Amino acid sequence: MAEPEILRQGFELGYTYTRSTGPVVGRFLTGLRDKKIVGTRGDDGTVYVPPMEFDPKTASALDEFVEVSDCGEVVSWCWVKQPRESHPLQQPFAWALVRLDGADVPMVHAVAAPGEADMATGMRVRVRWADEPRGYITDISCFEPE
């Protein structure tokens, strides 16, 4: 019996479209460019950072913007011993949930700590801003221990 012919075709997954940021995400990114962090206030007073366009509990549109601090507390974290090329830092670092002062919901970002032993839930961190902010999430280079 002859072996069946196997057809092969290279494939690269990509998203070739551009998405507009809209008024909520656009305001967040503009704030980052200006080294400010803004969130939105939900119907019950919860402050979401990054901002939400709609309240996750009531589905109503959110349009009250709140500026929060660039300092906060690590809520949870995991250590990355061997960063990949696509990671934001090329030395060991932590992915962390950081609840910024003035926000109720934590955001995920990298923390540049000297070592794993220097990380702890509850530790205080501060934003390290990019040298030349451009209005992208990468304007927050990472967080650093205070």
C-alpha atoms as a PDB file:
ATOM      1  CA  MET A   1       0.000   0.000   0.000  1.00  0.00           C
ATOM      2  CA  ALA A   2       1.379   3.397  -0.990  1.00  0.00           C
ATOM      3  CA  GLU A   3       1.798   6.064   1.665  1.00  0.00           C
ATOM      4  CA  PRO A   4      -0.668   8.930   1.315  1.00  0.00           C
ATOM      5  CA  GLU A   5       0.741  12.232   0.125  1.00  0.00           C
ATOM      6  CA  ILE A   6       0.865  14.785   2.934  1.00  0.00           C
ATOM      7  CA  LEU A   7       0.062  18.317   1.935  1.00  0.00           C
ATOM      8  CA  ARG A   8       1.876  21.042   3.883  1.00  0.00           C
ATOM      9  CA  GLN A   9       1.409  24.771   3.888  1.00  0.00           C
ATOM     10  CA  GLY A  10       3.145  27.365   6.027  1.00  0.00           C
ATOM     11  CA  PHE A  11       0.848  29.598   8.058  1.00  0.00           C
ATOM     12  CA  GLU A  12       1.509  32.676  10.130  1.00  0.00           C
ATOM     13  CA  LEU A  13      -1.213  33.852  12.506  1.00  0.00           C
ATOM     14  CA  GLY A  14      -1.539  37.613  12.378  1.00  0.00           C
ATOM     15  CA  TYR A  15      -4.029  40.354  12.938  1.00  0.00           C
ATOM     16  CA  THR A  16      -3.720  42.683  10.001  1.00  0.00           C
ATOM     17  CA  TYR A  17      -6.287  45.224  11.080  1.00  0.00           C
ATOM     18  CA  THR A  18      -6.041  48.370  13.140  1.00  0.00           C
ATOM     19  CA  ARG A  19      -8.483  48.993  15.953  1.00  0.00           C
ATOM     20  CA  SER A  20      -9.377  52.488  17.044  1.00  0.00           C
ATOM     21  CA  THR A  21      -9.019  52.973  20.777  1.00  0.00           C
ATOM     22  CA  GLY A  22     -12.236  54.876  21.313  1.00  0.00           C
ATOM     23  CA  PRO A  23     -12.914  57.491  23.991  1.00  0.00           C
ATOM     24  CA  VAL A  24     -12.200  55.322  27.069  1.00  0.00           C
ATOM     25  CA  VAL A  25      -9.063  53.409  26.100  1.00  0.00           C
ATOM     26  CA  GLY A  26      -7.887  56.452  24.148  1.00  0.00           C
ATOM     27  CA  ARG A  27      -8.091  58.605  27.279  1.00  0.00           C
ATOM     28  CA  PHE A  28      -6.177  55.948  29.257  1.00  0.00           C
ATOM     29  CA  LEU A  29      -3.402  55.822  26.650  1.00  0.00           C
ATOM     30  CA  THR A  30      -3.257  59.614  26.367  1.00  0.00           C
ATOM     31  CA  GLY A  31      -2.896  59.725  30.142  1.00  0.00           C
ATOM     32  CA  LEU A  32       0.012  57.267  29.979  1.00  0.00           C
ATOM     33  CA  ARG A  33       1.699  59.487  27.397  1.00  0.00           C
ATOM     34  CA  ASP A  34       1.414  62.318  29.954  1.00  0.00           C
ATOM     35  CA  LYS A  35       2.644  60.018  32.771  1.00  0.00           C
ATOM     36  CA  LYS A  36      -0.785  59.888  34.387  1.00  0.00           C
ATOM     37  CA  ILE A  37      -2.951  56.855  35.053  1.00  0.00           C
ATOM     38  CA  VAL A  38      -6.730  57.112  34.724  1.00  0.00           C
ATOM     39  CA  GLY A  39      -9.500  54.659  35.371  1.00  0.00           C
ATOM     40  CA  THR A  40     -13.277  54.750  35.297  1.00  0.00           C
ATOM     41  CA  ARG A  41     -15.697  54.729  38.218  1.00  0.00           C
ATOM     42  CA  GLY A  42     -18.420  52.100  38.153  1.00  0.00           C
ATOM     43  CA  ASP A  43     -22.020  52.597  39.227  1.00  0.00           C
ATOM     44  CA  ASP A  44     -21.217  51.306  42.732  1.00  0.00           C
ATOM     45  CA  GLY A  45     -18.084  53.483  43.071  1.00  0.00           C
ATOM     46  CA  THR A  46     -15.576  50.786  42.059  1.00  0.00           C
ATOM     47  CA  VAL A  47     -12.584  52.306  40.229  1.00  0.00           C
ATOM     48  CA  TYR A  48     -11.327  50.191  37.315  1.00  0.00           C
ATOM     49  CA  VAL A  49      -7.763  50.543  36.016  1.00  0.00           C
ATOM     50  CA  PRO A  50      -7.297  50.087  33.114  1.00  0.00           C
ATOM     51  CA  PRO A  51     -10.652  51.769  32.555  1.00  0.00           C
ATOM     52  CA  MET A  52     -13.725  49.835  31.514  1.00  0.00           C
ATOM     53  CA  GLU A  53     -16.128  51.113  28.877  1.00  0.00           C
ATOM     54  CA  PHE A  54     -19.084  49.406  30.535  1.00  0.00           C
ATOM     55  CA  ASP A  55     -19.812  48.533  34.150  1.00  0.00           C
ATOM     56  CA  PRO A  56     -19.270  44.763  34.471  1.00  0.00           C
ATOM     57  CA  LYS A  57     -22.089  44.528  37.037  1.00  0.00           C
ATOM     58  CA  THR A  58     -24.785  46.709  35.431  1.00  0.00           C
ATOM     59  CA  ALA A  59     -23.649  46.969  31.775  1.00  0.00           C
ATOM     60  CA  SER A  60     -24.146  50.746  31.838  1.00  0.00           C
ATOM     61  CA  ALA A  61     -21.674  52.943  29.959  1.00  0.00           C
ATOM     62  CA  LEU A  62     -18.962  54.396  32.195  1.00  0.00           C
ATOM     63  CA  ASP A  63     -17.890  57.958  31.569  1.00  0.00           C
ATOM     64  CA  GLU A  64     -16.582  59.197  34.940  1.00  0.00           C
ATOM     65  CA  PHE A  65     -12.785  59.209  34.737  1.00  0.00           C
ATOM     66  CA  VAL A  66     -10.625  59.082  37.854  1.00  0.00           C
ATOM     67  CA  GLU A  67      -6.892  59.783  38.049  1.00  0.00           C
ATOM     68  CA  VAL A  68      -5.091  57.320  40.321  1.00  0.00           C
ATOM     69  CA  SER A  69      -1.583  57.119  41.731  1.00  0.00           C
ATOM     70  CA  ASP A  70       1.406  55.583  39.974  1.00  0.00           C
ATOM     71  CA  CYS A  71       2.131  53.690  43.218  1.00  0.00           C
ATOM     72  CA  GLY A  72       0.330  50.672  44.550  1.00  0.00           C
ATOM     73  CA  GLU A  73       0.374  47.284  46.229  1.00  0.00           C
ATOM     74  CA  VAL A  74       1.173  43.847  44.823  1.00  0.00           C
ATOM     75  CA  VAL A  75      -1.925  41.684  45.271  1.00  0.00           C
ATOM     76  CA  SER A  76      -0.510  38.511  43.708  1.00  0.00           C
ATOM     77  CA  TRP A  77       2.549  37.599  41.646  1.00  0.00           C
ATOM     78  CA  CYS A  78       4.573  34.867  39.951  1.00  0.00           C
ATOM     79  CA  TRP A  79       8.290  34.845  39.233  1.00  0.00           C
ATOM     80  CA  VAL A  80       9.712  34.465  35.713  1.00  0.00           C
ATOM     81  CA  LYS A  81      13.188  32.916  35.961  1.00  0.00           C
ATOM     82  CA  GLN A  82      13.875  32.776  32.246  1.00  0.00           C
ATOM     83  CA  PRO A  83      12.251  35.636  30.347  1.00  0.00           C
ATOM     84  CA  ARG A  84      11.345  35.122  26.716  1.00  0.00           C
ATOM     85  CA  GLU A  85      12.234  37.529  23.957  1.00  0.00           C
ATOM     86  CA  SER A  86       8.649  38.803  23.896  1.00  0.00           C
ATOM     87  CA  HIS A  87       8.620  39.667  27.618  1.00  0.00           C
ATOM     88  CA  PRO A  88       8.921  43.301  28.705  1.00  0.00           C
ATOM     89  CA  LEU A  89      12.120  42.654  30.696  1.00  0.00           C
ATOM     90  CA  GLN A  90      15.063  40.489  29.701  1.00  0.00           C
ATOM     91  CA  GLN A  91      16.233  39.728  33.237  1.00  0.00           C
ATOM     92  CA  PRO A  92      14.233  37.649  35.758  1.00  0.00           C
ATOM     93  CA  PHE A  93      11.113  39.549  36.899  1.00  0.00           C
ATOM     94  CA  ALA A  94       7.630  39.067  38.321  1.00  0.00           C
ATOM     95  CA  TRP A  95       4.274  39.246  36.627  1.00  0.00           C
ATOM     96  CA  ALA A  96       2.057  40.851  39.237  1.00  0.00           C
ATOM     97  CA  LEU A  97      -1.432  42.064  39.907  1.00  0.00           C
ATOM     98  CA  VAL A  98      -0.884  45.627  41.145  1.00  0.00           C
ATOM     99  CA  ARG A  99      -3.705  47.575  42.783  1.00  0.00           C
ATOM    100  CA  LEU A 100      -2.819  51.228  42.337  1.00  0.00           C
ATOM    101  CA  ASP A 101      -3.671  53.690  45.100  1.00  0.00           C
ATOM    102  CA  GLY A 102      -7.100  55.052  44.239  1.00  0.00           C
ATOM    103  CA  ALA A 103      -8.099  51.961  42.219  1.00  0.00           C
ATOM    104  CA  ASP A 104     -10.154  49.025  43.429  1.00  0.00           C
ATOM    105  CA  VAL A 105      -9.261  46.527  40.731  1.00  0.00           C
ATOM    106  CA  PRO A 106      -5.639  45.449  40.138  1.00  0.00           C
ATOM    107  CA  MET A 107      -3.918  45.516  36.775  1.00  0.00           C
ATOM    108  CA  VAL A 108      -1.360  43.023  35.442  1.00  0.00           C
ATOM    109  CA  HIS A 109       2.141  44.279  34.746  1.00  0.00           C
ATOM    110  CA  ALA A 110       5.804  43.395  35.195  1.00  0.00           C
ATOM    111  CA  VAL A 111       7.715  44.151  38.403  1.00  0.00           C
ATOM    112  CA  ALA A 112      11.488  44.576  38.188  1.00  0.00           C
ATOM    113  CA  ALA A 113      12.640  43.238  41.541  1.00  0.00           C
ATOM    114  CA  PRO A 114      16.290  42.386  42.239  1.00  0.00           C
ATOM    115  CA  GLY A 115      15.343  38.756  42.899  1.00  0.00           C
ATOM    116  CA  GLU A 116      12.492  36.422  43.750  1.00  0.00           C
ATOM    117  CA  ALA A 117      13.220  36.797  47.473  1.00  0.00           C
ATOM    118  CA  ASP A 118      12.567  40.542  47.098  1.00  0.00           C
ATOM    119  CA  MET A 119       8.970  39.982  45.936  1.00  0.00           C
ATOM    120  CA  ALA A 120       6.075  39.695  48.382  1.00  0.00           C
ATOM    121  CA  THR A 121       2.336  40.000  48.341  1.00  0.00           C
ATOM    122  CA  GLY A 122       1.497  43.351  49.909  1.00  0.00           C
ATOM    123  CA  MET A 123       4.758  45.035  48.884  1.00  0.00           C
ATOM    124  CA  ARG A 124       4.625  48.596  47.609  1.00  0.00           C
ATOM    125  CA  VAL A 125       5.640  49.345  44.028  1.00  0.00           C
ATOM    126  CA  ARG A 126       5.933  52.430  41.806  1.00  0.00           C
ATOM    127  CA  VAL A 127       5.744  52.857  38.029  1.00  0.00           C
ATOM    128  CA  ARG A 128       8.986  53.135  36.086  1.00  0.00           C
ATOM    129  CA  TRP A 129       7.959  55.308  33.151  1.00  0.00           C
ATOM    130  CA  ALA A 130       9.390  54.893  29.661  1.00  0.00           C
ATOM    131  CA  ASP A 131      12.016  57.468  28.717  1.00  0.00           C
ATOM    132  CA  GLU A 132       9.841  58.710  25.849  1.00  0.00           C
ATOM    133  CA  PRO A 133       6.141  57.973  26.466  1.00  0.00           C
ATOM    134  CA  ARG A 134       4.104  57.565  23.254  1.00  0.00           C
ATOM    135  CA  GLY A 135       0.617  56.683  24.422  1.00  0.00           C
ATOM    136  CA  TYR A 136       1.021  52.887  24.682  1.00  0.00           C
ATOM    137  CA  ILE A 137       0.753  50.503  27.624  1.00  0.00           C
ATOM    138  CA  THR A 138       4.544  50.145  27.309  1.00  0.00           C
ATOM    139  CA  ASP A 139       4.798  53.729  28.617  1.00  0.00           C
ATOM    140  CA  ILE A 140       4.725  51.874  31.924  1.00  0.00           C
ATOM    141  CA  SER A 141       8.080  50.141  31.441  1.00  0.00           C
ATOM    142  CA  CYS A 142       7.465  48.149  34.606  1.00  0.00           C
ATOM    143  CA  PHE A 143       6.876  48.601  38.298  1.00  0.00           C
ATOM    144  CA  GLU A 144       9.742  48.774  40.809  1.00  0.00           C
ATOM    145  CA  PRO A 145       9.776  48.233  44.582  1.00  0.00           C
ATOM    146  CA  GLU A 146       9.301  51.549  46.423  1.00  0.00           C
END
